[in-house]
PDB file of N, CA and C in Angstrom:
ATOM      1  N   MET A   1      17.245  -1.695 -17.093  1.00  0.00           N
ATOM      2  CA  MET A   1      17.256  -0.826 -18.144  1.00  0.00           C
ATOM      3  C   MET A   1      19.176  -0.089 -18.020  1.00  0.00           C
ATOM      4  N   PRO A   2      19.487  -0.191 -18.924  1.00  0.00           N
ATOM      5  CA  PRO A   2      20.606   0.421 -19.628  1.00  0.00           C
ATOM      6  C   PRO A   2      21.207   2.302 -19.122  1.00  0.00           C
ATOM      7  N   THR A   3      22.150   2.428 -18.264  1.00  0.00           N
ATOM      8  CA  THR A   3      22.404   3.894 -18.062  1.00  0.00           C
ATOM      9  C   THR A   3      23.364   4.149 -18.861  1.00  0.00           C
ATOM     10  N   ILE A   4      23.682   5.649 -18.726  1.00  0.00           N
ATOM     11  CA  ILE A   4      24.751   5.936 -19.470  1.00  0.00           C
ATOM     12  C   ILE A   4      26.325   5.654 -19.262  1.00  0.00           C
ATOM     13  N   PHE A   5      26.044   5.269 -17.515  1.00  0.00           N
ATOM     14  CA  PHE A   5      27.343   5.062 -16.472  1.00  0.00           C
ATOM     15  C   PHE A   5      28.230   3.813 -17.496  1.00  0.00           C
ATOM     16  N   GLY A   6      27.488   2.866 -18.013  1.00  0.00           N
ATOM     17  CA  GLY A   6      27.218   1.522 -17.782  1.00  0.00           C
ATOM     18  C   GLY A   6      26.560   0.482 -16.951  1.00  0.00           C
ATOM     19  N   LEU A   7      25.961   1.229 -15.986  1.00  0.00           N
ATOM     20  CA  LEU A   7      25.240   0.986 -14.632  1.00  0.00           C
ATOM     21  C   LEU A   7      24.107   0.193 -15.001  1.00  0.00           C
ATOM     22  N   ARG A   8      23.289  -0.713 -14.676  1.00  0.00           N
ATOM     23  CA  ARG A   8      22.156  -0.946 -15.153  1.00  0.00           C
ATOM     24  C   ARG A   8      21.425  -1.332 -13.903  1.00  0.00           C
ATOM     25  N   GLU A   9      19.942  -1.552 -13.704  1.00  0.00           N
ATOM     26  CA  GLU A   9      19.104  -0.433 -13.072  1.00  0.00           C
ATOM     27  C   GLU A   9      17.509  -1.569 -12.825  1.00  0.00           C
ATOM     28  N   ALA A  10      17.601  -2.033 -11.666  1.00  0.00           N
ATOM     29  CA  ALA A  10      16.553  -3.328 -11.691  1.00  0.00           C
ATOM     30  C   ALA A  10      15.146  -2.198 -10.768  1.00  0.00           C
ATOM     31  N   GLY A  11      13.952  -2.429 -10.883  1.00  0.00           N
ATOM     32  CA  GLY A  11      13.678  -2.282 -10.126  1.00  0.00           C
ATOM     33  C   GLY A  11      12.235  -2.527  -9.544  1.00  0.00           C
ATOM     34  N   ASN A  12      11.919  -2.866  -8.188  1.00  0.00           N
ATOM     35  CA  ASN A  12       9.876  -3.502  -8.141  1.00  0.00           C
ATOM     36  C   ASN A  12       8.804  -2.073  -7.481  1.00  0.00           C
ATOM     37  N   SER A  13       8.005  -2.683  -7.581  1.00  0.00           N
ATOM     38  CA  SER A  13       7.025  -2.023  -7.232  1.00  0.00           C
ATOM     39  C   SER A  13       6.133  -3.192  -6.409  1.00  0.00           C
ATOM     40  N   TYR A  14       4.952  -2.682  -5.610  1.00  0.00           N
ATOM     41  CA  TYR A  14       4.745  -3.268  -4.632  1.00  0.00           C
ATOM     42  C   TYR A  14       3.139  -2.477  -4.425  1.00  0.00           C
ATOM     43  N   ILE A  15       2.913  -3.945  -3.909  1.00  0.00           N
ATOM     44  CA  ILE A  15       0.903  -2.921  -3.073  1.00  0.00           C
ATOM     45  C   ILE A  15       0.996  -3.554  -2.137  1.00  0.00           C
ATOM     46  N   ARG A  16       0.686  -2.982  -0.651  1.00  0.00           N
ATOM     47  CA  ARG A  16      -0.125  -3.967   0.321  1.00  0.00           C
ATOM     48  C   ARG A  16      -0.714  -3.590   1.056  1.00  0.00           C
ATOM     49  N   THR A  17      -1.658  -4.304   1.585  1.00  0.00           N
ATOM     50  CA  THR A  17      -3.416  -3.748   2.001  1.00  0.00           C
ATOM     51  C   THR A  17      -2.455  -4.769   3.580  1.00  0.00           C
ATOM     52  N   ARG A  18      -3.545  -4.312   3.681  1.00  0.00           N
ATOM     53  CA  ARG A  18      -3.764  -4.927   5.719  1.00  0.00           C
ATOM     54  C   ARG A  18      -5.079  -4.899   6.491  1.00  0.00           C
ATOM     55  N   ILE A  19      -5.456  -5.496   7.208  1.00  0.00           N
ATOM     56  CA  ILE A  19      -6.450  -4.714   7.962  1.00  0.00           C
ATOM     57  C   ILE A  19      -7.210  -5.535   9.433  1.00  0.00           C
ATOM     58  N   PHE A  20      -7.083  -4.438   9.694  1.00  0.00           N
ATOM     59  CA  PHE A  20      -7.187  -5.061  11.111  1.00  0.00           C
ATOM     60  C   PHE A  20      -8.753  -4.420  12.297  1.00  0.00           C
ATOM     61  N   MET A  21      -9.113  -5.440  12.878  1.00  0.00           N
ATOM     62  CA  MET A  21     -10.333  -5.407  13.727  1.00  0.00           C
ATOM     63  C   MET A  21      -9.497  -5.379  15.322  1.00  0.00           C
ATOM     64  N   THR A  22     -10.985  -4.540  15.998  1.00  0.00           N
ATOM     65  CA  THR A  22     -10.152  -5.036  17.264  1.00  0.00           C
ATOM     66  C   THR A  22     -11.160  -4.376  18.417  1.00  0.00           C
ATOM     67  N   ASN A  23     -11.905  -4.261  19.353  1.00  0.00           N
ATOM     68  CA  ASN A  23     -13.177  -4.339  20.271  1.00  0.00           C
ATOM     69  C   ASN A  23     -12.892  -2.561  20.587  1.00  0.00           C
ATOM     70  N   SER A  24     -13.890  -2.360  20.599  1.00  0.00           N
ATOM     71  CA  SER A  24     -13.419  -0.977  20.641  1.00  0.00           C
ATOM     72  C   SER A  24     -13.919  -0.387  22.539  1.00  0.00           C
ATOM     73  N   LYS A  25     -13.395   0.104  23.521  1.00  0.00           N
ATOM     74  CA  LYS A  25     -12.741   0.097  24.353  1.00  0.00           C
ATOM     75  C   LYS A  25     -13.073   1.526  24.801  1.00  0.00           C
ATOM     76  N   PHE A  26     -13.644   2.410  24.674  1.00  0.00           N
ATOM     77  CA  PHE A  26     -13.275   3.979  25.339  1.00  0.00           C
ATOM     78  C   PHE A  26     -14.066   4.317  26.216  1.00  0.00           C
ATOM     79  N   ASN A  27     -15.083   3.687  26.856  1.00  0.00           N
ATOM     80  CA  ASN A  27     -15.607   4.050  27.497  1.00  0.00           C
ATOM     81  C   ASN A  27     -16.940   3.228  27.996  1.00  0.00           C
ATOM     82  N   PRO A  28     -17.429   2.687  29.177  1.00  0.00           N
ATOM     83  CA  PRO A  28     -18.030   1.767  29.218  1.00  0.00           C
ATOM     84  C   PRO A  28     -19.802   1.798  28.272  1.00  0.00           C
ATOM     85  N   ASN A  29     -20.571   3.267  27.565  1.00  0.00           N
ATOM     86  CA  ASN A  29     -21.363   3.264  27.565  1.00  0.00           C
ATOM     87  C   ASN A  29     -21.409   2.774  25.965  1.00  0.00           C
ATOM     88  N   LEU A  30     -19.700   3.057  25.135  1.00  0.00           N
ATOM     89  CA  LEU A  30     -20.011   3.005  23.867  1.00  0.00           C
ATOM     90  C   LEU A  30     -18.738   0.955  23.926  1.00  0.00           C
ATOM     91  N   LYS A  31     -19.429   1.272  23.488  1.00  0.00           N
ATOM     92  CA  LYS A  31     -19.484  -0.851  22.955  1.00  0.00           C
ATOM     93  C   LYS A  31     -19.064  -1.084  21.225  1.00  0.00           C
ATOM     94  N   GLY A  32     -18.618  -1.376  20.837  1.00  0.00           N
ATOM     95  CA  GLY A  32     -18.170  -2.091  19.419  1.00  0.00           C
ATOM     96  C   GLY A  32     -17.231  -2.408  19.321  1.00  0.00           C
ATOM     97  N   TYR A  33     -16.795  -2.496  17.843  1.00  0.00           N
ATOM     98  CA  TYR A  33     -15.418  -2.793  17.266  1.00  0.00           C
ATOM     99  C   TYR A  33     -14.983  -1.925  16.281  1.00  0.00           C
ATOM    100  N   SER A  34     -13.825  -1.614  15.748  1.00  0.00           N
ATOM    101  CA  SER A  34     -13.275  -0.836  15.209  1.00  0.00           C
ATOM    102  C   SER A  34     -12.797  -1.245  14.046  1.00  0.00           C
ATOM    103  N   ILE A  35     -12.599  -0.734  12.783  1.00  0.00           N
ATOM    104  CA  ILE A  35     -12.047  -1.705  11.738  1.00  0.00           C
ATOM    105  C   ILE A  35     -11.027  -0.906  11.161  1.00  0.00           C
ATOM    106  N   ASN A  36     -10.032  -1.428  11.133  1.00  0.00           N
ATOM    107  CA  ASN A  36      -8.824  -0.418  10.771  1.00  0.00           C
ATOM    108  C   ASN A  36      -8.517  -0.723   9.095  1.00  0.00           C
ATOM    109  N   ILE A  37      -8.402  -0.303   7.987  1.00  0.00           N
ATOM    110  CA  ILE A  37      -7.600  -0.132   7.100  1.00  0.00           C
ATOM    111  C   ILE A  37      -6.739   0.104   6.093  1.00  0.00           C
ATOM    112  N   GLY A  38      -5.935  -0.564   5.579  1.00  0.00           N
ATOM    113  CA  GLY A  38      -4.460   0.671   4.940  1.00  0.00           C
ATOM    114  C   GLY A  38      -4.073  -0.061   3.771  1.00  0.00           C
ATOM    115  N   ILE A  39      -4.108   0.027   2.893  1.00  0.00           N
ATOM    116  CA  ILE A  39      -3.384   0.546   1.905  1.00  0.00           C
ATOM    117  C   ILE A  39      -1.641   1.512   1.290  1.00  0.00           C
ATOM    118  N   ALA A  40      -0.564   0.691   1.272  1.00  0.00           N
ATOM    119  CA  ALA A  40       0.132   1.149   1.070  1.00  0.00           C
ATOM    120  C   ALA A  40       1.050   1.026  -0.761  1.00  0.00           C
ATOM    121  N   TYR A  41       1.421   1.447  -1.724  1.00  0.00           N
ATOM    122  CA  TYR A  41       1.965   1.488  -2.298  1.00  0.00           C
ATOM    123  C   TYR A  41       3.764   1.586  -2.893  1.00  0.00           C
ATOM    124  N   GLY A  42       4.367   0.989  -3.704  1.00  0.00           N
ATOM    125  CA  GLY A  42       5.732   1.296  -2.769  1.00  0.00           C
ATOM    126  C   GLY A  42       6.575   1.076  -3.987  1.00  0.00           C
ATOM    127  N   ILE A  43       7.962   1.646  -4.135  1.00  0.00           N
ATOM    128  CA  ILE A  43       8.726   1.389  -4.958  1.00  0.00           C
ATOM    129  C   ILE A  43      10.294   1.570  -4.603  1.00  0.00           C
ATOM    130  N   GLU A  44      10.738   0.308  -5.211  1.00  0.00           N
ATOM    131  CA  GLU A  44      12.405  -0.307  -5.089  1.00  0.00           C
ATOM    132  C   GLU A  44      12.823  -0.089  -5.892  1.00  0.00           C
ATOM    133  N   GLY A  45      13.945   0.685  -5.932  1.00  0.00           N
ATOM    134  CA  GLY A  45      15.446  -0.051  -7.103  1.00  0.00           C
ATOM    135  C   GLY A  45      16.581   0.132  -7.201  1.00  0.00           C
ATOM    136  N   HIS A  46      17.971  -0.312  -7.652  1.00  0.00           N
ATOM    137  CA  HIS A  46      19.032  -0.828  -7.801  1.00  0.00           C
ATOM    138  C   HIS A  46      19.529  -0.574  -8.332  1.00  0.00           C
ATOM    139  N   PHE A  47      20.721  -0.331  -9.021  1.00  0.00           N
ATOM    140  CA  PHE A  47      21.798   0.255  -9.062  1.00  0.00           C
ATOM    141  C   PHE A  47      22.543  -1.141  -9.620  1.00  0.00           C
ATOM    142  N   LEU A  48      22.821  -2.224 -10.202  1.00  0.00           N
ATOM    143  CA  LEU A  48      23.854  -3.354 -10.653  1.00  0.00           C
ATOM    144  C   LEU A  48      24.792  -3.119 -11.515  1.00  0.00           C
ATOM    145  N   SER A  49      26.077  -2.873 -11.077  1.00  0.00           N
ATOM    146  CA  SER A  49      27.283  -2.994 -12.171  1.00  0.00           C
ATOM    147  C   SER A  49      28.445  -4.569 -12.976  1.00  0.00           C
ATOM    148  N   LYS A  50      28.875  -4.810 -13.020  1.00  0.00           N
ATOM    149  CA  LYS A  50      29.586  -5.801 -13.501  1.00  0.00           C
ATOM    150  C   LYS A  50      30.796  -5.430 -13.069  1.00  0.00           C
ATOM    151  N   LYS A  51      31.118  -6.785 -11.980  1.00  0.00           N
ATOM    152  CA  LYS A  51      32.535  -6.256 -12.008  1.00  0.00           C
ATOM    153  C   LYS A  51      34.276  -7.623 -12.228  1.00  0.00           C
TER     154      LYS A  51
END
């Protein structure tokens, strides 16, 4: 989009997901698995100018 100073702006957005699974070894009496799920949303922007 053009701006008031003659610059142009380019923007991107993204969604990232991650699933991670590991053995739980906190205590010899506790055995099992741990599952971690993460979701991230990000926005990037760049100002562009003609030279």
